[in-house]
């Protein structure tokens, strides 16, 4: 009987040679489609930072992501329209979180 192929884990953090600056920059784009995933990427990146330039890239991306999420929550809802941002749809049972800056 043939064996089932195992499904590979697809994660940008699974690669040892991944450039942290690029992952941080990509997370600023991912947050527009999947905020919890972008937060997980950034949390994984924060433990692998070694240089000042990587820390700067992380902090810049964290500020951009936090500002984007803050702006989404502040968008006015017009009467008769459901609104652009729905916390329950984006975050599910999780509470919305923000990224801390590294110092």
C-alpha atoms as a PDB file:
ATOM      1  CA  UNK A   1       0.000   0.000   0.000  1.00  0.00           C
ATOM      2  CA  UNK A   2       1.479   3.405  -0.929  1.00  0.00           C
ATOM      3  CA  UNK A   3       2.253   5.854   1.836  1.00  0.00           C
ATOM      4  CA  UNK A   4       0.706   9.259   2.030  1.00  0.00           C
ATOM      5  CA  UNK A   5       3.055  12.113   1.409  1.00  0.00           C
ATOM      6  CA  UNK A   6       3.473  14.370   4.377  1.00  0.00           C
ATOM      7  CA  UNK A   7       2.492  17.955   3.811  1.00  0.00           C
ATOM      8  CA  UNK A   8       5.457  20.304   4.021  1.00  0.00           C
ATOM      9  CA  UNK A   9       5.430  23.119   6.539  1.00  0.00           C
ATOM     10  CA  UNK A  10       5.423  26.369   4.623  1.00  0.00           C
ATOM     11  CA  UNK A  11       6.666  29.140   6.818  1.00  0.00           C
ATOM     12  CA  UNK A  12       9.124  31.918   6.120  1.00  0.00           C
ATOM     13  CA  UNK A  13      10.639  31.253   9.534  1.00  0.00           C
ATOM     14  CA  UNK A  14      11.455  27.638   8.693  1.00  0.00           C
ATOM     15  CA  UNK A  15      14.365  28.611   6.476  1.00  0.00           C
ATOM     16  CA  UNK A  16      17.630  29.268   8.273  1.00  0.00           C
ATOM     17  CA  UNK A  17      19.017  31.512   5.562  1.00  0.00           C
ATOM     18  CA  UNK A  18      16.008  33.806   5.367  1.00  0.00           C
ATOM     19  CA  UNK A  19      16.907  37.454   5.469  1.00  0.00           C
ATOM     20  CA  UNK A  20      15.286  39.001   8.527  1.00  0.00           C
ATOM     21  CA  UNK A  21      15.079  42.439   6.940  1.00  0.00           C
ATOM     22  CA  UNK A  22      13.141  41.064   3.978  1.00  0.00           C
ATOM     23  CA  UNK A  23      10.778  39.105   6.221  1.00  0.00           C
ATOM     24  CA  UNK A  24      10.084  42.208   8.289  1.00  0.00           C
ATOM     25  CA  UNK A  25       9.418  44.227   5.135  1.00  0.00           C
ATOM     26  CA  UNK A  26       7.151  41.496   3.738  1.00  0.00           C
ATOM     27  CA  UNK A  27       5.166  41.367   6.980  1.00  0.00           C
ATOM     28  CA  UNK A  28       4.101  44.992   6.400  1.00  0.00           C
ATOM     29  CA  UNK A  29       2.375  43.816   3.213  1.00  0.00           C
ATOM     30  CA  UNK A  30       0.970  40.599   4.687  1.00  0.00           C
ATOM     31  CA  UNK A  31      -0.795  42.515   7.470  1.00  0.00           C
ATOM     32  CA  UNK A  32      -3.235  43.896   4.887  1.00  0.00           C
ATOM     33  CA  UNK A  33      -4.546  40.406   4.134  1.00  0.00           C
ATOM     34  CA  UNK A  34      -3.855  38.409   7.291  1.00  0.00           C
ATOM     35  CA  UNK A  35      -2.979  40.424  10.385  1.00  0.00           C
ATOM     36  CA  UNK A  36      -2.508  37.487  12.810  1.00  0.00           C
ATOM     37  CA  UNK A  37      -0.084  35.825  10.384  1.00  0.00           C
ATOM     38  CA  UNK A  38       1.968  39.013  10.051  1.00  0.00           C
ATOM     39  CA  UNK A  39       2.104  39.346  13.836  1.00  0.00           C
ATOM     40  CA  UNK A  40       3.333  35.734  14.136  1.00  0.00           C
ATOM     41  CA  UNK A  41       6.021  36.411  11.510  1.00  0.00           C
ATOM     42  CA  UNK A  42       7.217  39.463  13.406  1.00  0.00           C
ATOM     43  CA  UNK A  43       7.204  37.611  16.740  1.00  0.00           C
ATOM     44  CA  UNK A  44       9.326  34.870  15.177  1.00  0.00           C
ATOM     45  CA  UNK A  45      11.696  37.427  13.708  1.00  0.00           C
ATOM     46  CA  UNK A  46      12.153  39.232  17.032  1.00  0.00           C
ATOM     47  CA  UNK A  47      13.942  36.247  18.542  1.00  0.00           C
ATOM     48  CA  UNK A  48      16.432  35.952  15.682  1.00  0.00           C
ATOM     49  CA  UNK A  49      17.729  39.531  15.458  1.00  0.00           C
ATOM     50  CA  UNK A  50      21.506  39.848  15.719  1.00  0.00           C
ATOM     51  CA  UNK A  51      22.526  43.177  14.222  1.00  0.00           C
ATOM     52  CA  UNK A  52      21.470  46.782  14.632  1.00  0.00           C
ATOM     53  CA  UNK A  53      20.326  47.011  11.001  1.00  0.00           C
ATOM     54  CA  UNK A  54      17.994  44.035  11.520  1.00  0.00           C
ATOM     55  CA  UNK A  55      16.662  45.642  14.705  1.00  0.00           C
ATOM     56  CA  UNK A  56      16.041  48.893  12.825  1.00  0.00           C
ATOM     57  CA  UNK A  57      14.200  47.028  10.046  1.00  0.00           C
ATOM     58  CA  UNK A  58      12.102  45.208  12.668  1.00  0.00           C
ATOM     59  CA  UNK A  59      11.232  48.441  14.499  1.00  0.00           C
ATOM     60  CA  UNK A  60      10.331  50.242  11.265  1.00  0.00           C
ATOM     61  CA  UNK A  61       8.054  47.377  10.238  1.00  0.00           C
ATOM     62  CA  UNK A  62       6.494  47.152  13.713  1.00  0.00           C
ATOM     63  CA  UNK A  63       5.660  50.863  13.630  1.00  0.00           C
ATOM     64  CA  UNK A  64       4.172  50.552  10.135  1.00  0.00           C
ATOM     65  CA  UNK A  65       2.074  47.514  11.102  1.00  0.00           C
ATOM     66  CA  UNK A  66       0.832  49.118  14.335  1.00  0.00           C
ATOM     67  CA  UNK A  67      -0.079  52.347  12.507  1.00  0.00           C
ATOM     68  CA  UNK A  68      -1.954  50.390   9.834  1.00  0.00           C
ATOM     69  CA  UNK A  69      -3.965  48.461  12.428  1.00  0.00           C
ATOM     70  CA  UNK A  70      -4.692  51.644  14.401  1.00  0.00           C
ATOM     71  CA  UNK A  71      -5.923  53.394  11.251  1.00  0.00           C
ATOM     72  CA  UNK A  72      -8.204  50.473  10.408  1.00  0.00           C
ATOM     73  CA  UNK A  73      -9.841  50.638  13.812  1.00  0.00           C
ATOM     74  CA  UNK A  74     -10.342  54.399  13.567  1.00  0.00           C
ATOM     75  CA  UNK A  75     -12.004  54.329  10.129  1.00  0.00           C
ATOM     76  CA  UNK A  76     -15.498  55.788  10.389  1.00  0.00           C
ATOM     77  CA  UNK A  77     -18.450  53.564   9.587  1.00  0.00           C
ATOM     78  CA  UNK A  78     -21.079  55.117   7.395  1.00  0.00           C
ATOM     79  CA  UNK A  79     -24.738  54.436   8.154  1.00  0.00           C
ATOM     80  CA  UNK A  80     -26.066  51.598   6.032  1.00  0.00           C
ATOM     81  CA  UNK A  81     -22.613  50.185   5.272  1.00  0.00           C
ATOM     82  CA  UNK A  82     -21.015  47.345   7.222  1.00  0.00           C
ATOM     83  CA  UNK A  83     -17.615  49.020   7.376  1.00  0.00           C
ATOM     84  CA  UNK A  84     -14.261  48.060   5.967  1.00  0.00           C
ATOM     85  CA  UNK A  85     -12.755  46.462   9.055  1.00  0.00           C
ATOM     86  CA  UNK A  86     -14.422  43.815  11.200  1.00  0.00           C
ATOM     87  CA  UNK A  87     -12.380  42.805  14.259  1.00  0.00           C
ATOM     88  CA  UNK A  88     -14.141  39.477  14.645  1.00  0.00           C
ATOM     89  CA  UNK A  89     -13.513  38.535  11.027  1.00  0.00           C
ATOM     90  CA  UNK A  90      -9.828  39.503  11.112  1.00  0.00           C
ATOM     91  CA  UNK A  91      -8.820  38.285  14.570  1.00  0.00           C
ATOM     92  CA  UNK A  92     -11.427  35.608  15.294  1.00  0.00           C
ATOM     93  CA  UNK A  93     -11.521  34.695  18.994  1.00  0.00           C
ATOM     94  CA  UNK A  94      -8.160  36.415  19.628  1.00  0.00           C
ATOM     95  CA  UNK A  95      -7.978  39.938  20.930  1.00  0.00           C
ATOM     96  CA  UNK A  96      -6.219  42.413  18.617  1.00  0.00           C
ATOM     97  CA  UNK A  97      -2.558  42.838  19.537  1.00  0.00           C
ATOM     98  CA  UNK A  98       0.207  45.259  18.639  1.00  0.00           C
ATOM     99  CA  UNK A  99       3.906  44.676  18.223  1.00  0.00           C
ATOM    100  CA  UNK A 100       6.373  46.078  20.753  1.00  0.00           C
ATOM    101  CA  UNK A 101       9.464  47.868  19.521  1.00  0.00           C
ATOM    102  CA  UNK A 102      12.866  46.422  20.365  1.00  0.00           C
ATOM    103  CA  UNK A 103      15.321  48.711  22.127  1.00  0.00           C
END
